[in-house]
Amino acid sequence: MSVNMAEEFKPGLSFANWQPATPEGANYNYADGEHTLCICQQVILSGDIQDLNEGEVSCYLRVDHGLINLIFQIGRTFLCNGFFNWWANNPIHRTFPKFERNPDQGAPLTILLIETPAGILKAIRKITLSADFCRILETEIRAQATRPELEDSAWYDKAVAQIYAEFASPEDMLDEQVLVFCQSSE
């Protein structure tokens, strides 16, 4: 998703290219040089929207079974995780993180709250990930790009199943294996 596209979306409108079969849950992606988190839920309450719009956002990064695993706490409501697999992106969208970025500068993350199954965008917020978080995340993205075995969807499905078998909830993932943590800044 491009930054301009994110700015064009307005809450209450249908999300472009929505797939009705998209399951509930969180999906983090890094494509075309941009960080995006889509949170999809069937029931979205006004408190959920308020939490996304105004609540503190905490981000945690870990690597499990070769997959980048990002855990997000948003306000009082959301605690979710999303996996990232470089190889799942269309090759034309696979761009390496730019190391030219000022080392003290973070990177924007666009967070979308989408009501399933209709695909209605309920809230959108842009925060900045810390420079330390970005450095470690970008290093892990580059490392993952050197592992073509991750392109195998059966391998990916097995890795995700193993992770969910090990952890009952995203909260259980917040242990000593977390590589880096940051809190939101606007």
Foldseek 3Di string as FASTA:
>chain_A
DDPVVLVPDDFQDADPPADLPDDAAWAWEQWQNATEIEGEEQDDDPVNQCQQVPFKKKWWWFAFLLWIKIWIDTHPPDTGIHTYALLVDDVVGRDQHDPVPDLQFFHKYKYWYAHPSRRGTHHIDIWTDGSVVRVVVSVSSVVNVVDCVSNDVVSVVVRVVVVCVVDVHSVRVPDPRTPDMDMTDD
